[in-house]
Amino acid sequence: MSRRERRGRRRYTVVDDLTREATIEAVLGRMKAGDSFTAATRAAAAQLDVAETTVRSWVNRSGRRPRRTERDVAALEAELALAQELNRALARKHGVAEDLSLR
């Protein structure tokens, strides 16, 4: 029976320090490989049968979670703005309604 099927009943899994450290390394490795923080923590939590928030807190408390700098965020926002403008230009060219944006 899966954890979700046992609503109302909590089962706590004890995880030793070595397993916790290996989990943190695995999450960081998956993030370096391109997975999102959420996807990496979800996969690790499923393997250990612990809550996703537990794995997230381990990684956050380790102080090793990579964070985007303001410069990275600004570059991504500029890239997004350019892509949005190109999409609008294509929509105008092909007569597609512009109110179909994903805002």
C-alpha atoms as a PDB file:
ATOM      1  CA  MET A   1       0.000   0.000   0.000  1.00  0.00           C
ATOM      2  CA  SER A   2       1.481   3.342  -0.983  1.00  0.00           C
ATOM      3  CA  ARG A   3       1.923   6.249   1.384  1.00  0.00           C
ATOM      4  CA  ARG A   4      -0.868   8.166  -0.330  1.00  0.00           C
ATOM      5  CA  GLU A   5      -3.308   5.314   0.183  1.00  0.00           C
ATOM      6  CA  ARG A   6      -2.721   5.379   3.958  1.00  0.00           C
ATOM      7  CA  ARG A   7      -4.210   8.786   4.602  1.00  0.00           C
ATOM      8  CA  GLY A   8      -4.321   9.702   8.240  1.00  0.00           C
ATOM      9  CA  ARG A   9      -1.533   7.313   9.203  1.00  0.00           C
ATOM     10  CA  ARG A  10       1.996   8.613   9.298  1.00  0.00           C
ATOM     11  CA  ARG A  11       4.933   6.301   9.106  1.00  0.00           C
ATOM     12  CA  TYR A  12       8.310   7.781   9.840  1.00  0.00           C
ATOM     13  CA  THR A  13      11.430   6.395   8.256  1.00  0.00           C
ATOM     14  CA  VAL A  14      14.672   6.709  10.194  1.00  0.00           C
ATOM     15  CA  VAL A  15      17.521   7.705   7.899  1.00  0.00           C
ATOM     16  CA  ASP A  16      21.118   7.498   9.068  1.00  0.00           C
ATOM     17  CA  ASP A  17      23.663  10.264   8.470  1.00  0.00           C
ATOM     18  CA  LEU A  18      25.510   8.424   5.679  1.00  0.00           C
ATOM     19  CA  THR A  19      22.287   7.847   3.742  1.00  0.00           C
ATOM     20  CA  ARG A  20      21.253  11.475   4.278  1.00  0.00           C
ATOM     21  CA  GLU A  21      24.608  12.702   2.954  1.00  0.00           C
ATOM     22  CA  ALA A  22      24.433  10.350  -0.043  1.00  0.00           C
ATOM     23  CA  THR A  23      20.928  11.619  -0.762  1.00  0.00           C
ATOM     24  CA  ILE A  24      22.099  15.230  -0.699  1.00  0.00           C
ATOM     25  CA  GLU A  25      24.916  14.349  -3.108  1.00  0.00           C
ATOM     26  CA  ALA A  26      22.486  12.506  -5.392  1.00  0.00           C
ATOM     27  CA  VAL A  27      20.096  15.476  -5.490  1.00  0.00           C
ATOM     28  CA  LEU A  28      22.942  17.885  -6.235  1.00  0.00           C
ATOM     29  CA  GLY A  29      24.223  15.538  -8.946  1.00  0.00           C
ATOM     30  CA  ARG A  30      20.815  15.348 -10.608  1.00  0.00           C
ATOM     31  CA  MET A  31      20.553  19.132 -10.502  1.00  0.00           C
ATOM     32  CA  LYS A  32      23.952  19.445 -12.207  1.00  0.00           C
ATOM     33  CA  ALA A  33      22.692  17.008 -14.852  1.00  0.00           C
ATOM     34  CA  GLY A  34      19.764  19.320 -15.558  1.00  0.00           C
ATOM     35  CA  ASP A  35      16.926  18.187 -13.304  1.00  0.00           C
ATOM     36  CA  SER A  36      15.017  20.787 -11.334  1.00  0.00           C
ATOM     37  CA  PHE A  37      15.340  20.889  -7.568  1.00  0.00           C
ATOM     38  CA  THR A  38      11.771  19.628  -7.275  1.00  0.00           C
ATOM     39  CA  ALA A  39      12.297  16.700  -9.654  1.00  0.00           C
ATOM     40  CA  ALA A  40      15.558  15.703  -7.971  1.00  0.00           C
ATOM     41  CA  THR A  41      14.118  15.808  -4.449  1.00  0.00           C
ATOM     42  CA  ARG A  42      10.955  13.973  -5.536  1.00  0.00           C
ATOM     43  CA  ALA A  43      12.999  11.135  -7.036  1.00  0.00           C
ATOM     44  CA  ALA A  44      15.219  10.841  -3.964  1.00  0.00           C
ATOM     45  CA  ALA A  45      12.256  10.926  -1.578  1.00  0.00           C
ATOM     46  CA  ALA A  46      10.508   8.168  -3.501  1.00  0.00           C
ATOM     47  CA  GLN A  47      13.597   5.954  -3.267  1.00  0.00           C
ATOM     48  CA  LEU A  48      13.865   6.415   0.500  1.00  0.00           C
ATOM     49  CA  ASP A  49      10.122   6.432   1.193  1.00  0.00           C
ATOM     50  CA  VAL A  50      10.365   9.756   3.004  1.00  0.00           C
ATOM     51  CA  ALA A  51       8.523  13.026   2.447  1.00  0.00           C
ATOM     52  CA  GLU A  52       9.723  15.251  -0.352  1.00  0.00           C
ATOM     53  CA  THR A  53       9.903  18.174   2.077  1.00  0.00           C
ATOM     54  CA  THR A  54      12.300  16.150   4.216  1.00  0.00           C
ATOM     55  CA  VAL A  55      14.781  15.770   1.370  1.00  0.00           C
ATOM     56  CA  ARG A  56      14.338  19.438   0.423  1.00  0.00           C
ATOM     57  CA  SER A  57      15.187  20.503   3.970  1.00  0.00           C
ATOM     58  CA  TRP A  58      18.270  18.260   4.071  1.00  0.00           C
ATOM     59  CA  VAL A  59      19.621  19.850   0.901  1.00  0.00           C
ATOM     60  CA  ASN A  60      18.738  23.376   1.993  1.00  0.00           C
ATOM     61  CA  ARG A  61      20.308  22.902   5.437  1.00  0.00           C
ATOM     62  CA  SER A  62      23.474  21.518   3.846  1.00  0.00           C
ATOM     63  CA  GLY A  63      24.125  24.967   2.361  1.00  0.00           C
ATOM     64  CA  ARG A  64      25.189  23.406  -0.943  1.00  0.00           C
ATOM     65  CA  ARG A  65      22.044  24.006  -2.992  1.00  0.00           C
ATOM     66  CA  PRO A  66      23.007  26.040  -6.069  1.00  0.00           C
ATOM     67  CA  ARG A  67      21.170  29.353  -6.292  1.00  0.00           C
ATOM     68  CA  ARG A  68      20.662  31.620  -9.261  1.00  0.00           C
ATOM     69  CA  THR A  69      22.408  34.958  -9.068  1.00  0.00           C
ATOM     70  CA  GLU A  70      20.644  38.208  -9.918  1.00  0.00           C
ATOM     71  CA  ARG A  71      22.656  38.286 -13.132  1.00  0.00           C
ATOM     72  CA  ASP A  72      21.429  34.785 -14.092  1.00  0.00           C
ATOM     73  CA  VAL A  73      17.827  35.767 -13.395  1.00  0.00           C
ATOM     74  CA  ALA A  74      18.163  38.975 -15.436  1.00  0.00           C
ATOM     75  CA  ALA A  75      19.630  37.028 -18.368  1.00  0.00           C
ATOM     76  CA  LEU A  76      16.803  34.481 -18.219  1.00  0.00           C
ATOM     77  CA  GLU A  77      14.198  37.254 -18.056  1.00  0.00           C
ATOM     78  CA  ALA A  78      15.753  38.939 -21.109  1.00  0.00           C
ATOM     79  CA  GLU A  79      15.754  35.634 -22.972  1.00  0.00           C
ATOM     80  CA  LEU A  80      12.106  35.084 -22.054  1.00  0.00           C
ATOM     81  CA  ALA A  81      11.145  38.593 -23.204  1.00  0.00           C
ATOM     82  CA  LEU A  82      12.855  37.977 -26.547  1.00  0.00           C
ATOM     83  CA  ALA A  83      11.092  34.641 -26.990  1.00  0.00           C
ATOM     84  CA  GLN A  84       7.739  36.241 -26.159  1.00  0.00           C
ATOM     85  CA  GLU A  85       8.308  38.986 -28.724  1.00  0.00           C
ATOM     86  CA  LEU A  86       9.284  36.457 -31.394  1.00  0.00           C
ATOM     87  CA  ASN A  87       6.154  34.436 -30.602  1.00  0.00           C
ATOM     88  CA  ARG A  88       3.999  37.552 -30.915  1.00  0.00           C
ATOM     89  CA  ALA A  89       5.623  38.355 -34.281  1.00  0.00           C
ATOM     90  CA  LEU A  90       4.922  34.825 -35.516  1.00  0.00           C
ATOM     91  CA  ALA A  91       1.336  35.043 -34.284  1.00  0.00           C
ATOM     92  CA  ARG A  92       0.829  38.338 -36.151  1.00  0.00           C
ATOM     93  CA  LYS A  93       2.407  36.918 -39.299  1.00  0.00           C
ATOM     94  CA  HIS A  94       0.190  33.845 -39.289  1.00  0.00           C
ATOM     95  CA  GLY A  95      -2.972  35.567 -38.082  1.00  0.00           C
ATOM     96  CA  VAL A  96      -3.198  33.793 -34.738  1.00  0.00           C
ATOM     97  CA  ALA A  97      -5.022  35.593 -31.921  1.00  0.00           C
ATOM     98  CA  GLU A  98      -2.551  37.181 -29.507  1.00  0.00           C
ATOM     99  CA  ASP A  99      -4.699  36.642 -26.431  1.00  0.00           C
ATOM    100  CA  LEU A 100      -3.523  33.013 -26.236  1.00  0.00           C
ATOM    101  CA  SER A 101      -0.519  33.878 -24.088  1.00  0.00           C
ATOM    102  CA  LEU A 102       0.347  31.807 -21.011  1.00  0.00           C
ATOM    103  CA  ARG A 103       0.297  34.612 -18.459  1.00  0.00           C
END
